[in-house]
């Protein structure tokens, strides 16, 4: 009986993705103008102390991780969550890094009068060496929410002096091809890579939401729906009414 009840609870918990995870208490103020860590502004501290996870380094994982840091008016850390995931190690690494920072270091807060969410984009890039430029990828910044702060860049260097990065158009062509062929699972593989790089694209999220819909994966389809509606403030939601 307990096993049946546990199964039912898990079904209830996972059957729908709530839009509440994408509802924020934001401010146009940059986090590095109000949060000082050990005498350094937030981005300076992150750039000097956050490491690239080893598996992400070996896999040359790239993309824009987006995390949320919620603090109260006294500067206490209330919650750290992931909005746009990149990889398990990067996602977990950011959450752990922020939690340990608030636990082990001196945090000074200025001019915060209420609980506030700071949405932090961290752009992961690859380069063939310290003197070589990082490989770029396309990001549609025109659709970037106004309340997002400046990106913090983390560049990894391959010790062998080589890098590999599939270009954006190849990924997009493959995603479209497999979607047209109704091979949605394969299309999603390429859409995932594109969304990691370009998390502000309405078209990519809408396409992936519909791919998941065709696969009858309501949970993931609705996660993209809520991301579109609450995070990107998009009106590109036609055909996704099953998530309302």
C-alpha atoms as a PDB file:
ATOM      1  CA  UNK A   1       0.000   0.000   0.000  1.00  0.00           C
ATOM      2  CA  UNK A   2       2.840   2.375   0.882  1.00  0.00           C
ATOM      3  CA  UNK A   3       4.470   1.663  -2.469  1.00  0.00           C
ATOM      4  CA  UNK A   4       1.236   2.513  -4.297  1.00  0.00           C
ATOM      5  CA  UNK A   5       0.841   5.752  -2.347  1.00  0.00           C
ATOM      6  CA  UNK A   6       4.448   6.726  -3.046  1.00  0.00           C
ATOM      7  CA  UNK A   7       3.969   6.080  -6.761  1.00  0.00           C
ATOM      8  CA  UNK A   8       0.818   8.205  -6.818  1.00  0.00           C
ATOM      9  CA  UNK A   9       2.609  11.044  -5.024  1.00  0.00           C
ATOM     10  CA  UNK A  10       5.439  10.971  -7.558  1.00  0.00           C
ATOM     11  CA  UNK A  11       2.949  11.095 -10.432  1.00  0.00           C
ATOM     12  CA  UNK A  12       1.190  14.077  -8.855  1.00  0.00           C
ATOM     13  CA  UNK A  13       4.483  15.880  -8.284  1.00  0.00           C
ATOM     14  CA  UNK A  14       5.764  15.392 -11.832  1.00  0.00           C
ATOM     15  CA  UNK A  15       2.624  15.613 -13.924  1.00  0.00           C
ATOM     16  CA  UNK A  16       2.748  19.383 -14.429  1.00  0.00           C
ATOM     17  CA  UNK A  17       5.461  22.016 -14.496  1.00  0.00           C
ATOM     18  CA  UNK A  18       4.377  25.110 -12.625  1.00  0.00           C
ATOM     19  CA  UNK A  19       4.921  28.566 -14.012  1.00  0.00           C
ATOM     20  CA  UNK A  20       5.806  29.752 -10.515  1.00  0.00           C
ATOM     21  CA  UNK A  21       9.427  28.681 -10.962  1.00  0.00           C
ATOM     22  CA  UNK A  22       9.702  31.378 -13.655  1.00  0.00           C
ATOM     23  CA  UNK A  23       8.046  34.163 -11.651  1.00  0.00           C
ATOM     24  CA  UNK A  24      10.590  36.567 -10.228  1.00  0.00           C
ATOM     25  CA  UNK A  25      11.047  39.533  -7.911  1.00  0.00           C
ATOM     26  CA  UNK A  26      13.605  41.305 -10.039  1.00  0.00           C
ATOM     27  CA  UNK A  27      15.341  44.662 -10.074  1.00  0.00           C
ATOM     28  CA  UNK A  28      17.047  46.600 -12.891  1.00  0.00           C
ATOM     29  CA  UNK A  29      20.005  47.137 -10.550  1.00  0.00           C
ATOM     30  CA  UNK A  30      23.086  45.073 -11.386  1.00  0.00           C
ATOM     31  CA  UNK A  31      24.049  42.534  -8.739  1.00  0.00           C
ATOM     32  CA  UNK A  32      27.669  43.711  -8.703  1.00  0.00           C
ATOM     33  CA  UNK A  33      26.521  47.175  -7.609  1.00  0.00           C
ATOM     34  CA  UNK A  34      24.764  45.864  -4.497  1.00  0.00           C
ATOM     35  CA  UNK A  35      26.605  42.659  -3.554  1.00  0.00           C
ATOM     36  CA  UNK A  36      30.240  42.718  -2.412  1.00  0.00           C
ATOM     37  CA  UNK A  37      32.066  39.464  -1.585  1.00  0.00           C
ATOM     38  CA  UNK A  38      35.315  39.697   0.390  1.00  0.00           C
ATOM     39  CA  UNK A  39      35.692  43.282  -0.841  1.00  0.00           C
ATOM     40  CA  UNK A  40      35.159  42.367  -4.519  1.00  0.00           C
ATOM     41  CA  UNK A  41      32.089  43.047  -6.630  1.00  0.00           C
ATOM     42  CA  UNK A  42      30.053  39.975  -7.550  1.00  0.00           C
ATOM     43  CA  UNK A  43      31.333  39.462 -11.095  1.00  0.00           C
ATOM     44  CA  UNK A  44      34.948  40.038 -10.138  1.00  0.00           C
ATOM     45  CA  UNK A  45      34.628  37.406  -7.439  1.00  0.00           C
ATOM     46  CA  UNK A  46      32.935  34.913  -9.782  1.00  0.00           C
ATOM     47  CA  UNK A  47      35.538  35.407 -12.521  1.00  0.00           C
ATOM     48  CA  UNK A  48      38.376  34.731 -10.082  1.00  0.00           C
ATOM     49  CA  UNK A  49      36.880  31.813  -8.199  1.00  0.00           C
ATOM     50  CA  UNK A  50      34.359  29.788 -10.217  1.00  0.00           C
ATOM     51  CA  UNK A  51      35.880  26.755 -11.910  1.00  0.00           C
ATOM     52  CA  UNK A  52      34.905  24.998 -15.125  1.00  0.00           C
ATOM     53  CA  UNK A  53      33.762  21.444 -14.179  1.00  0.00           C
ATOM     54  CA  UNK A  54      36.205  18.775 -15.397  1.00  0.00           C
ATOM     55  CA  UNK A  55      33.675  16.807 -17.429  1.00  0.00           C
ATOM     56  CA  UNK A  56      32.392  19.989 -19.094  1.00  0.00           C
ATOM     57  CA  UNK A  57      36.010  20.859 -19.871  1.00  0.00           C
ATOM     58  CA  UNK A  58      36.710  17.478 -21.483  1.00  0.00           C
ATOM     59  CA  UNK A  59      33.423  17.585 -23.417  1.00  0.00           C
ATOM     60  CA  UNK A  60      34.001  21.220 -24.418  1.00  0.00           C
ATOM     61  CA  UNK A  61      30.500  22.109 -23.259  1.00  0.00           C
ATOM     62  CA  UNK A  62      29.395  25.613 -24.244  1.00  0.00           C
ATOM     63  CA  UNK A  63      26.301  27.698 -23.635  1.00  0.00           C
ATOM     64  CA  UNK A  64      24.706  30.327 -21.427  1.00  0.00           C
ATOM     65  CA  UNK A  65      23.829  28.980 -18.016  1.00  0.00           C
ATOM     66  CA  UNK A  66      21.149  31.090 -16.322  1.00  0.00           C
ATOM     67  CA  UNK A  67      20.771  30.877 -12.557  1.00  0.00           C
ATOM     68  CA  UNK A  68      18.624  32.689 -10.025  1.00  0.00           C
ATOM     69  CA  UNK A  69      19.937  33.991  -6.711  1.00  0.00           C
ATOM     70  CA  UNK A  70      17.270  35.083  -4.221  1.00  0.00           C
ATOM     71  CA  UNK A  71      18.359  37.174  -1.250  1.00  0.00           C
ATOM     72  CA  UNK A  72      16.424  39.068   1.408  1.00  0.00           C
ATOM     73  CA  UNK A  73      16.873  42.720   2.439  1.00  0.00           C
ATOM     74  CA  UNK A  74      19.587  41.730   4.947  1.00  0.00           C
ATOM     75  CA  UNK A  75      21.592  39.856   2.352  1.00  0.00           C
ATOM     76  CA  UNK A  76      20.692  36.359   3.508  1.00  0.00           C
ATOM     77  CA  UNK A  77      20.711  33.795   0.705  1.00  0.00           C
ATOM     78  CA  UNK A  78      17.225  32.280   0.416  1.00  0.00           C
ATOM     79  CA  UNK A  79      17.444  30.168  -2.715  1.00  0.00           C
ATOM     80  CA  UNK A  80      19.612  29.297  -5.719  1.00  0.00           C
ATOM     81  CA  UNK A  81      17.977  27.693  -8.759  1.00  0.00           C
ATOM     82  CA  UNK A  82      18.701  26.954 -12.408  1.00  0.00           C
ATOM     83  CA  UNK A  83      16.602  28.564 -15.155  1.00  0.00           C
ATOM     84  CA  UNK A  84      18.509  27.521 -18.279  1.00  0.00           C
ATOM     85  CA  UNK A  85      20.513  24.327 -17.680  1.00  0.00           C
ATOM     86  CA  UNK A  86      23.728  23.506 -19.540  1.00  0.00           C
ATOM     87  CA  UNK A  87      24.937  20.252 -18.004  1.00  0.00           C
ATOM     88  CA  UNK A  88      24.477  18.493 -14.694  1.00  0.00           C
ATOM     89  CA  UNK A  89      27.959  19.400 -13.461  1.00  0.00           C
ATOM     90  CA  UNK A  90      27.675  23.070 -14.492  1.00  0.00           C
ATOM     91  CA  UNK A  91      24.158  23.422 -13.048  1.00  0.00           C
ATOM     92  CA  UNK A  92      25.041  21.742  -9.752  1.00  0.00           C
ATOM     93  CA  UNK A  93      28.399  23.509  -9.669  1.00  0.00           C
ATOM     94  CA  UNK A  94      26.815  26.971  -9.840  1.00  0.00           C
ATOM     95  CA  UNK A  95      24.310  26.197  -7.082  1.00  0.00           C
ATOM     96  CA  UNK A  96      27.053  24.737  -4.865  1.00  0.00           C
ATOM     97  CA  UNK A  97      29.408  27.644  -5.602  1.00  0.00           C
ATOM     98  CA  UNK A  98      26.836  30.288  -4.604  1.00  0.00           C
ATOM     99  CA  UNK A  99      25.755  28.408  -1.471  1.00  0.00           C
ATOM    100  CA  UNK A 100      29.368  27.973  -0.322  1.00  0.00           C
ATOM    101  CA  UNK A 101      30.143  31.607  -1.114  1.00  0.00           C
ATOM    102  CA  UNK A 102      27.371  32.845   1.188  1.00  0.00           C
ATOM    103  CA  UNK A 103      28.309  30.316   3.869  1.00  0.00           C
ATOM    104  CA  UNK A 104      32.075  30.833   3.947  1.00  0.00           C
ATOM    105  CA  UNK A 105      32.736  34.413   2.837  1.00  0.00           C
ATOM    106  CA  UNK A 106      31.959  37.948   3.939  1.00  0.00           C
ATOM    107  CA  UNK A 107      28.930  39.260   2.048  1.00  0.00           C
ATOM    108  CA  UNK A 108      28.136  42.976   2.114  1.00  0.00           C
ATOM    109  CA  UNK A 109      24.791  44.182   0.738  1.00  0.00           C
ATOM    110  CA  UNK A 110      23.877  47.729  -0.324  1.00  0.00           C
ATOM    111  CA  UNK A 111      20.514  49.315  -1.168  1.00  0.00           C
ATOM    112  CA  UNK A 112      18.221  46.271  -1.068  1.00  0.00           C
ATOM    113  CA  UNK A 113      14.965  46.946   0.763  1.00  0.00           C
ATOM    114  CA  UNK A 114      13.089  43.732   0.001  1.00  0.00           C
ATOM    115  CA  UNK A 115      13.535  40.127  -1.095  1.00  0.00           C
ATOM    116  CA  UNK A 116      15.079  40.279  -4.573  1.00  0.00           C
ATOM    117  CA  UNK A 117      15.885  37.835  -7.375  1.00  0.00           C
ATOM    118  CA  UNK A 118      19.061  38.354  -9.357  1.00  0.00           C
ATOM    119  CA  UNK A 119      19.095  36.430 -12.623  1.00  0.00           C
ATOM    120  CA  UNK A 120      22.689  35.562 -13.482  1.00  0.00           C
ATOM    121  CA  UNK A 121      23.746  34.515 -17.009  1.00  0.00           C
ATOM    122  CA  UNK A 122      27.130  32.784 -17.194  1.00  0.00           C
ATOM    123  CA  UNK A 123      28.496  32.325 -20.712  1.00  0.00           C
ATOM    124  CA  UNK A 124      30.700  29.240 -21.114  1.00  0.00           C
ATOM    125  CA  UNK A 125      33.043  29.299 -24.108  1.00  0.00           C
ATOM    126  CA  UNK A 126      36.016  27.337 -25.443  1.00  0.00           C
ATOM    127  CA  UNK A 127      39.392  28.442 -26.757  1.00  0.00           C
ATOM    128  CA  UNK A 128      42.448  26.620 -28.091  1.00  0.00           C
ATOM    129  CA  UNK A 129      44.816  28.538 -25.812  1.00  0.00           C
ATOM    130  CA  UNK A 130      45.335  31.480 -23.461  1.00  0.00           C
ATOM    131  CA  UNK A 131      46.352  33.751 -26.323  1.00  0.00           C
ATOM    132  CA  UNK A 132      43.580  32.585 -28.646  1.00  0.00           C
ATOM    133  CA  UNK A 133      40.086  34.116 -28.874  1.00  0.00           C
ATOM    134  CA  UNK A 134      37.164  32.105 -27.578  1.00  0.00           C
ATOM    135  CA  UNK A 135      34.901  30.541 -30.203  1.00  0.00           C
ATOM    136  CA  UNK A 136      31.681  32.506 -30.523  1.00  0.00           C
ATOM    137  CA  UNK A 137      28.145  31.225 -31.095  1.00  0.00           C
ATOM    138  CA  UNK A 138      24.946  33.040 -31.982  1.00  0.00           C
ATOM    139  CA  UNK A 139      22.867  34.584 -29.192  1.00  0.00           C
ATOM    140  CA  UNK A 140      19.679  36.555 -29.900  1.00  0.00           C
ATOM    141  CA  UNK A 141      20.229  39.353 -27.385  1.00  0.00           C
ATOM    142  CA  UNK A 142      17.300  41.348 -28.775  1.00  0.00           C
ATOM    143  CA  UNK A 143      14.944  38.968 -26.928  1.00  0.00           C
ATOM    144  CA  UNK A 144      16.923  38.988 -23.689  1.00  0.00           C
ATOM    145  CA  UNK A 145      14.684  40.032 -20.742  1.00  0.00           C
ATOM    146  CA  UNK A 146      15.424  43.606 -19.642  1.00  0.00           C
ATOM    147  CA  UNK A 147      16.011  42.681 -16.010  1.00  0.00           C
ATOM    148  CA  UNK A 148      18.916  40.332 -16.778  1.00  0.00           C
ATOM    149  CA  UNK A 149      22.316  41.512 -15.628  1.00  0.00           C
ATOM    150  CA  UNK A 150      25.445  41.426 -17.736  1.00  0.00           C
ATOM    151  CA  UNK A 151      26.893  38.006 -18.544  1.00  0.00           C
ATOM    152  CA  UNK A 152      29.818  36.641 -16.644  1.00  0.00           C
ATOM    153  CA  UNK A 153      32.124  34.825 -19.108  1.00  0.00           C
ATOM    154  CA  UNK A 154      33.975  31.629 -18.275  1.00  0.00           C
ATOM    155  CA  UNK A 155      36.444  30.488 -20.949  1.00  0.00           C
ATOM    156  CA  UNK A 156      38.045  27.054 -20.923  1.00  0.00           C
ATOM    157  CA  UNK A 157      41.346  26.266 -22.609  1.00  0.00           C
ATOM    158  CA  UNK A 158      42.098  22.870 -24.085  1.00  0.00           C
ATOM    159  CA  UNK A 159      45.519  21.699 -22.917  1.00  0.00           C
ATOM    160  CA  UNK A 160      46.024  19.918 -26.266  1.00  0.00           C
ATOM    161  CA  UNK A 161      45.583  23.168 -28.164  1.00  0.00           C
ATOM    162  CA  UNK A 162      42.521  21.987 -30.102  1.00  0.00           C
ATOM    163  CA  UNK A 163      38.859  22.870 -29.906  1.00  0.00           C
ATOM    164  CA  UNK A 164      35.760  21.672 -31.697  1.00  0.00           C
ATOM    165  CA  UNK A 165      32.413  23.414 -31.920  1.00  0.00           C
ATOM    166  CA  UNK A 166      29.656  22.621 -34.403  1.00  0.00           C
ATOM    167  CA  UNK A 167      28.409  25.799 -36.056  1.00  0.00           C
ATOM    168  CA  UNK A 168      24.922  27.081 -35.289  1.00  0.00           C
ATOM    169  CA  UNK A 169      23.493  26.677 -38.795  1.00  0.00           C
ATOM    170  CA  UNK A 170      24.457  22.999 -38.935  1.00  0.00           C
ATOM    171  CA  UNK A 171      22.674  22.384 -35.650  1.00  0.00           C
ATOM    172  CA  UNK A 172      19.617  24.340 -36.814  1.00  0.00           C
ATOM    173  CA  UNK A 173      19.456  22.562 -40.179  1.00  0.00           C
ATOM    174  CA  UNK A 174      19.580  19.193 -38.424  1.00  0.00           C
ATOM    175  CA  UNK A 175      16.919  20.192 -35.894  1.00  0.00           C
ATOM    176  CA  UNK A 176      14.577  21.338 -38.667  1.00  0.00           C
ATOM    177  CA  UNK A 177      15.243  18.286 -40.824  1.00  0.00           C
ATOM    178  CA  UNK A 178      14.456  15.750 -38.129  1.00  0.00           C
ATOM    179  CA  UNK A 179      11.422  17.742 -36.988  1.00  0.00           C
ATOM    180  CA  UNK A 180      10.049  17.747 -40.530  1.00  0.00           C
ATOM    181  CA  UNK A 181      10.679  13.984 -40.721  1.00  0.00           C
ATOM    182  CA  UNK A 182       8.747  13.611 -37.425  1.00  0.00           C
ATOM    183  CA  UNK A 183      11.833  12.225 -35.732  1.00  0.00           C
ATOM    184  CA  UNK A 184      11.200  14.442 -32.738  1.00  0.00           C
ATOM    185  CA  UNK A 185      13.597  12.817 -30.298  1.00  0.00           C
ATOM    186  CA  UNK A 186      16.490  13.363 -32.696  1.00  0.00           C
ATOM    187  CA  UNK A 187      15.345  16.924 -33.407  1.00  0.00           C
ATOM    188  CA  UNK A 188      15.329  17.662 -29.671  1.00  0.00           C
ATOM    189  CA  UNK A 189      18.976  16.586 -29.405  1.00  0.00           C
ATOM    190  CA  UNK A 190      19.948  19.472 -31.703  1.00  0.00           C
ATOM    191  CA  UNK A 191      17.432  21.882 -30.188  1.00  0.00           C
ATOM    192  CA  UNK A 192      18.925  21.222 -26.761  1.00  0.00           C
ATOM    193  CA  UNK A 193      22.369  22.257 -28.008  1.00  0.00           C
ATOM    194  CA  UNK A 194      20.970  25.365 -29.689  1.00  0.00           C
ATOM    195  CA  UNK A 195      18.977  26.432 -26.621  1.00  0.00           C
ATOM    196  CA  UNK A 196      22.028  26.038 -24.414  1.00  0.00           C
ATOM    197  CA  UNK A 197      23.784  28.560 -26.649  1.00  0.00           C
ATOM    198  CA  UNK A 198      20.787  30.795 -27.367  1.00  0.00           C
ATOM    199  CA  UNK A 199      18.411  30.702 -24.373  1.00  0.00           C
ATOM    200  CA  UNK A 200      16.551  33.851 -25.439  1.00  0.00           C
ATOM    201  CA  UNK A 201      15.160  32.409 -28.692  1.00  0.00           C
ATOM    202  CA  UNK A 202      11.372  32.138 -28.734  1.00  0.00           C
ATOM    203  CA  UNK A 203      11.457  30.048 -31.921  1.00  0.00           C
ATOM    204  CA  UNK A 204      13.757  27.388 -30.488  1.00  0.00           C
ATOM    205  CA  UNK A 205      11.757  26.951 -27.283  1.00  0.00           C
ATOM    206  CA  UNK A 206       8.475  26.928 -29.190  1.00  0.00           C
ATOM    207  CA  UNK A 207       9.788  24.298 -31.595  1.00  0.00           C
ATOM    208  CA  UNK A 208      11.051  22.110 -28.758  1.00  0.00           C
ATOM    209  CA  UNK A 209       7.793  22.480 -26.824  1.00  0.00           C
ATOM    210  CA  UNK A 210       5.882  21.209 -29.852  1.00  0.00           C
ATOM    211  CA  UNK A 211       8.366  18.373 -30.386  1.00  0.00           C
ATOM    212  CA  UNK A 212       7.781  17.244 -26.812  1.00  0.00           C
ATOM    213  CA  UNK A 213       4.034  17.648 -27.369  1.00  0.00           C
ATOM    214  CA  UNK A 214       4.207  15.272 -30.341  1.00  0.00           C
ATOM    215  CA  UNK A 215       6.048  12.809 -28.100  1.00  0.00           C
ATOM    216  CA  UNK A 216       3.301  13.159 -25.442  1.00  0.00           C
ATOM    217  CA  UNK A 217       5.850  14.462 -22.931  1.00  0.00           C
ATOM    218  CA  UNK A 218       3.596  17.011 -21.230  1.00  0.00           C
ATOM    219  CA  UNK A 219       6.027  17.813 -18.426  1.00  0.00           C
ATOM    220  CA  UNK A 220       8.867  18.954 -20.695  1.00  0.00           C
ATOM    221  CA  UNK A 221       6.541  20.560 -23.222  1.00  0.00           C
ATOM    222  CA  UNK A 222       4.982  22.662 -20.466  1.00  0.00           C
ATOM    223  CA  UNK A 223       8.350  23.598 -19.034  1.00  0.00           C
ATOM    224  CA  UNK A 224       9.182  25.249 -22.356  1.00  0.00           C
ATOM    225  CA  UNK A 225       5.711  26.833 -22.403  1.00  0.00           C
ATOM    226  CA  UNK A 226       6.199  28.396 -18.979  1.00  0.00           C
ATOM    227  CA  UNK A 227       9.735  29.482 -19.875  1.00  0.00           C
ATOM    228  CA  UNK A 228       8.316  31.259 -22.938  1.00  0.00           C
ATOM    229  CA  UNK A 229       5.435  32.851 -21.049  1.00  0.00           C
ATOM    230  CA  UNK A 230       7.022  33.839 -17.741  1.00  0.00           C
ATOM    231  CA  UNK A 231      10.741  34.202 -18.456  1.00  0.00           C
ATOM    232  CA  UNK A 232      10.784  35.511 -22.019  1.00  0.00           C
ATOM    233  CA  UNK A 233       7.346  37.181 -21.756  1.00  0.00           C
ATOM    234  CA  UNK A 234       6.598  35.664 -25.154  1.00  0.00           C
ATOM    235  CA  UNK A 235       3.229  35.522 -26.902  1.00  0.00           C
ATOM    236  CA  UNK A 236       4.413  32.675 -29.162  1.00  0.00           C
ATOM    237  CA  UNK A 237       2.250  30.083 -27.390  1.00  0.00           C
ATOM    238  CA  UNK A 238      -0.220  28.858 -30.024  1.00  0.00           C
ATOM    239  CA  UNK A 239      -1.001  25.151 -29.757  1.00  0.00           C
ATOM    240  CA  UNK A 240       0.314  24.834 -26.211  1.00  0.00           C
ATOM    241  CA  UNK A 241      -2.976  25.419 -24.393  1.00  0.00           C
ATOM    242  CA  UNK A 242      -2.621  22.019 -22.710  1.00  0.00           C
ATOM    243  CA  UNK A 243      -0.148  23.739 -20.377  1.00  0.00           C
ATOM    244  CA  UNK A 244      -2.503  26.487 -19.166  1.00  0.00           C
END
